[in-house]
C-alpha atoms as a PDB file:
ATOM      1  CA  UNK A   1      -7.771  87.446 -67.504  1.00  0.00           C
ATOM      2  CA  UNK A   2     -10.901  85.422 -66.774  1.00  0.00           C
ATOM      3  CA  UNK A   3     -10.239  83.089 -63.855  1.00  0.00           C
ATOM      4  CA  UNK A   4     -12.623  80.651 -62.231  1.00  0.00           C
ATOM      5  CA  UNK A   5     -14.136  81.864 -58.986  1.00  0.00           C
ATOM      6  CA  UNK A   6     -13.970  78.338 -57.589  1.00  0.00           C
ATOM      7  CA  UNK A   7     -10.476  76.860 -57.974  1.00  0.00           C
ATOM      8  CA  UNK A   8     -11.791  73.313 -58.350  1.00  0.00           C
ATOM      9  CA  UNK A   9     -14.866  71.855 -60.029  1.00  0.00           C
ATOM     10  CA  UNK A  10     -15.804  68.155 -59.911  1.00  0.00           C
ATOM     11  CA  UNK A  11     -18.077  66.410 -62.427  1.00  0.00           C
ATOM     12  CA  UNK A  12     -19.120  62.756 -62.436  1.00  0.00           C
ATOM     13  CA  UNK A  13     -19.537  61.122 -65.843  1.00  0.00           C
ATOM     14  CA  UNK A  14     -20.657  57.609 -66.922  1.00  0.00           C
ATOM     15  CA  UNK A  15     -17.001  56.689 -67.594  1.00  0.00           C
ATOM     16  CA  UNK A  16     -15.567  58.171 -64.370  1.00  0.00           C
ATOM     17  CA  UNK A  17     -15.027  61.796 -63.351  1.00  0.00           C
ATOM     18  CA  UNK A  18     -12.970  64.928 -63.775  1.00  0.00           C
ATOM     19  CA  UNK A  19     -11.971  67.857 -61.612  1.00  0.00           C
ATOM     20  CA  UNK A  20     -10.995  71.199 -63.119  1.00  0.00           C
ATOM     21  CA  UNK A  21      -7.867  72.227 -61.237  1.00  0.00           C
ATOM     22  CA  UNK A  22      -7.235  75.545 -62.959  1.00  0.00           C
ATOM     23  CA  UNK A  23      -8.725  77.532 -65.824  1.00  0.00           C
ATOM     24  CA  UNK A  24      -7.519  80.677 -67.607  1.00  0.00           C
ATOM     25  CA  UNK A  25      -8.007  82.363 -70.987  1.00  0.00           C
ATOM     26  CA  UNK A  26      -5.370  80.247 -72.765  1.00  0.00           C
ATOM     27  CA  UNK A  27      -5.400  76.967 -70.816  1.00  0.00           C
ATOM     28  CA  UNK A  28      -7.426  74.596 -68.645  1.00  0.00           C
ATOM     29  CA  UNK A  29      -6.037  71.846 -66.365  1.00  0.00           C
ATOM     30  CA  UNK A  30      -8.109  68.792 -65.379  1.00  0.00           C
ATOM     31  CA  UNK A  31      -7.542  65.693 -63.253  1.00  0.00           C
ATOM     32  CA  UNK A  32      -9.393  62.850 -65.009  1.00  0.00           C
ATOM     33  CA  UNK A  33     -10.270  59.406 -63.620  1.00  0.00           C
ATOM     34  CA  UNK A  34     -11.453  56.625 -65.942  1.00  0.00           C
ATOM     35  CA  UNK A  35     -13.112  53.597 -64.354  1.00  0.00           C
ATOM     36  CA  UNK A  36     -11.936  50.065 -65.252  1.00  0.00           C
ATOM     37  CA  UNK A  37     -13.227  48.960 -68.662  1.00  0.00           C
ATOM     38  CA  UNK A  38     -14.639  52.418 -69.539  1.00  0.00           C
ATOM     39  CA  UNK A  39     -13.673  54.861 -72.264  1.00  0.00           C
ATOM     40  CA  UNK A  40     -14.416  58.402 -73.301  1.00  0.00           C
ATOM     41  CA  UNK A  41     -15.925  59.279 -76.662  1.00  0.00           C
ATOM     42  CA  UNK A  42     -13.794  59.215 -79.801  1.00  0.00           C
ATOM     43  CA  UNK A  43     -13.660  62.947 -80.505  1.00  0.00           C
ATOM     44  CA  UNK A  44     -11.767  65.917 -81.843  1.00  0.00           C
ATOM     45  CA  UNK A  45     -11.543  69.633 -81.130  1.00  0.00           C
ATOM     46  CA  UNK A  46     -11.023  72.528 -83.546  1.00  0.00           C
ATOM     47  CA  UNK A  47      -9.930  75.165 -81.058  1.00  0.00           C
ATOM     48  CA  UNK A  48      -7.736  73.386 -78.530  1.00  0.00           C
ATOM     49  CA  UNK A  49      -4.846  70.974 -78.193  1.00  0.00           C
ATOM     50  CA  UNK A  50      -4.436  68.579 -75.275  1.00  0.00           C
ATOM     51  CA  UNK A  51      -1.518  67.071 -73.388  1.00  0.00           C
ATOM     52  CA  UNK A  52      -2.195  64.023 -71.178  1.00  0.00           C
ATOM     53  CA  UNK A  53       0.225  63.002 -68.430  1.00  0.00           C
ATOM     54  CA  UNK A  54      -0.621  59.555 -67.034  1.00  0.00           C
ATOM     55  CA  UNK A  55      -0.152  59.434 -63.263  1.00  0.00           C
ATOM     56  CA  UNK A  56      -1.743  56.066 -62.356  1.00  0.00           C
ATOM     57  CA  UNK A  57      -2.654  53.035 -64.427  1.00  0.00           C
ATOM     58  CA  UNK A  58      -2.283  52.415 -68.146  1.00  0.00           C
ATOM     59  CA  UNK A  59      -4.174  54.325 -70.826  1.00  0.00           C
ATOM     60  CA  UNK A  60      -5.202  52.792 -74.122  1.00  0.00           C
ATOM     61  CA  UNK A  61      -4.951  55.816 -76.412  1.00  0.00           C
ATOM     62  CA  UNK A  62      -6.333  56.107 -79.944  1.00  0.00           C
ATOM     63  CA  UNK A  63      -5.017  58.958 -82.130  1.00  0.00           C
ATOM     64  CA  UNK A  64      -6.432  59.158 -85.675  1.00  0.00           C
ATOM     65  CA  UNK A  65      -7.210  55.423 -85.598  1.00  0.00           C
ATOM     66  CA  UNK A  66      -3.789  54.319 -84.256  1.00  0.00           C
ATOM     67  CA  UNK A  67      -3.861  52.652 -80.815  1.00  0.00           C
ATOM     68  CA  UNK A  68      -1.089  52.516 -78.223  1.00  0.00           C
ATOM     69  CA  UNK A  69      -0.703  51.814 -74.511  1.00  0.00           C
ATOM     70  CA  UNK A  70       0.661  54.639 -72.373  1.00  0.00           C
ATOM     71  CA  UNK A  71       1.907  53.783 -68.881  1.00  0.00           C
ATOM     72  CA  UNK A  72       2.198  55.979 -65.792  1.00  0.00           C
ATOM     73  CA  UNK A  73       4.905  58.670 -65.939  1.00  0.00           C
ATOM     74  CA  UNK A  74       4.452  59.049 -69.710  1.00  0.00           C
ATOM     75  CA  UNK A  75       2.575  61.616 -71.774  1.00  0.00           C
ATOM     76  CA  UNK A  76       0.608  62.048 -75.000  1.00  0.00           C
ATOM     77  CA  UNK A  77       0.283  65.179 -77.135  1.00  0.00           C
ATOM     78  CA  UNK A  78      -2.963  65.684 -79.075  1.00  0.00           C
ATOM     79  CA  UNK A  79      -2.840  68.545 -81.592  1.00  0.00           C
ATOM     80  CA  UNK A  80      -6.075  70.380 -82.422  1.00  0.00           C
ATOM     81  CA  UNK A  81      -8.058  68.491 -85.068  1.00  0.00           C
ATOM     82  CA  UNK A  82      -6.696  65.063 -84.063  1.00  0.00           C
ATOM     83  CA  UNK A  83      -9.342  62.374 -83.484  1.00  0.00           C
ATOM     84  CA  UNK A  84      -8.615  60.911 -80.044  1.00  0.00           C
ATOM     85  CA  UNK A  85      -9.909  58.586 -77.350  1.00  0.00           C
ATOM     86  CA  UNK A  86      -8.655  57.320 -74.010  1.00  0.00           C
ATOM     87  CA  UNK A  87      -9.829  54.119 -72.378  1.00  0.00           C
ATOM     88  CA  UNK A  88      -8.948  52.087 -69.325  1.00  0.00           C
ATOM     89  CA  UNK A  89      -8.250  48.437 -70.219  1.00  0.00           C
ATOM     90  CA  UNK A  90      -7.239  47.469 -66.663  1.00  0.00           C
ATOM     91  CA  UNK A  91      -8.860  46.630 -63.322  1.00  0.00           C
ATOM     92  CA  UNK A  92      -7.502  49.713 -61.503  1.00  0.00           C
ATOM     93  CA  UNK A  93      -8.694  53.280 -62.043  1.00  0.00           C
ATOM     94  CA  UNK A  94      -6.769  55.250 -64.679  1.00  0.00           C
ATOM     95  CA  UNK A  95      -5.759  58.747 -63.558  1.00  0.00           C
ATOM     96  CA  UNK A  96      -4.237  61.425 -65.753  1.00  0.00           C
ATOM     97  CA  UNK A  97      -3.739  65.168 -65.878  1.00  0.00           C
ATOM     98  CA  UNK A  98      -5.049  66.885 -69.001  1.00  0.00           C
ATOM     99  CA  UNK A  99      -3.700  70.285 -70.004  1.00  0.00           C
ATOM    100  CA  UNK A 100      -5.787  71.971 -72.685  1.00  0.00           C
ATOM    101  CA  UNK A 101      -4.233  74.883 -74.577  1.00  0.00           C
ATOM    102  CA  UNK A 102      -5.859  77.163 -77.107  1.00  0.00           C
ATOM    103  CA  UNK A 103      -8.377  79.967 -77.298  1.00  0.00           C
ATOM    104  CA  UNK A 104     -11.678  78.220 -76.475  1.00  0.00           C
ATOM    105  CA  UNK A 105     -12.528  75.355 -74.104  1.00  0.00           C
ATOM    106  CA  UNK A 106     -16.324  75.068 -74.302  1.00  0.00           C
ATOM    107  CA  UNK A 107     -18.073  71.704 -74.487  1.00  0.00           C
ATOM    108  CA  UNK A 108     -19.524  72.718 -77.880  1.00  0.00           C
ATOM    109  CA  UNK A 109     -16.001  72.381 -79.368  1.00  0.00           C
ATOM    110  CA  UNK A 110     -16.263  68.594 -78.892  1.00  0.00           C
ATOM    111  CA  UNK A 111     -17.066  66.773 -82.129  1.00  0.00           C
ATOM    112  CA  UNK A 112     -17.985  63.236 -81.038  1.00  0.00           C
ATOM    113  CA  UNK A 113     -17.243  60.617 -83.691  1.00  0.00           C
ATOM    114  CA  UNK A 114     -18.210  57.552 -81.563  1.00  0.00           C
ATOM    115  CA  UNK A 115     -19.634  57.318 -78.055  1.00  0.00           C
ATOM    116  CA  UNK A 116     -20.604  54.450 -75.728  1.00  0.00           C
ATOM    117  CA  UNK A 117     -23.234  56.605 -73.983  1.00  0.00           C
ATOM    118  CA  UNK A 118     -25.369  57.857 -76.895  1.00  0.00           C
ATOM    119  CA  UNK A 119     -23.928  61.377 -77.081  1.00  0.00           C
ATOM    120  CA  UNK A 120     -23.027  61.386 -80.813  1.00  0.00           C
END
């Protein structure tokens, strides 16, 4: 089983940051922070599903064009192939845990449909 040598990896992004908490052959776990008023790209993945558990703040979640608000202590399931986006509509930082499951977790499995930072 391929495990990360470093058990945690932090990356800053224009919308906030993430830290990889654990990574194995069939799953990856991240802690994601989204700054107030920011959002990630509207995207989908072919080779992985995601489960988001909101731990602080409120997430505005878009799944295949349908929007909903998800409060702390609630979760969202995103099957592979589902177009999805998370954004932070509030003044406090949004924090959630993302569990990715599947067979491949590379950045090249991200198909960006819309992006605020020119990455489409």
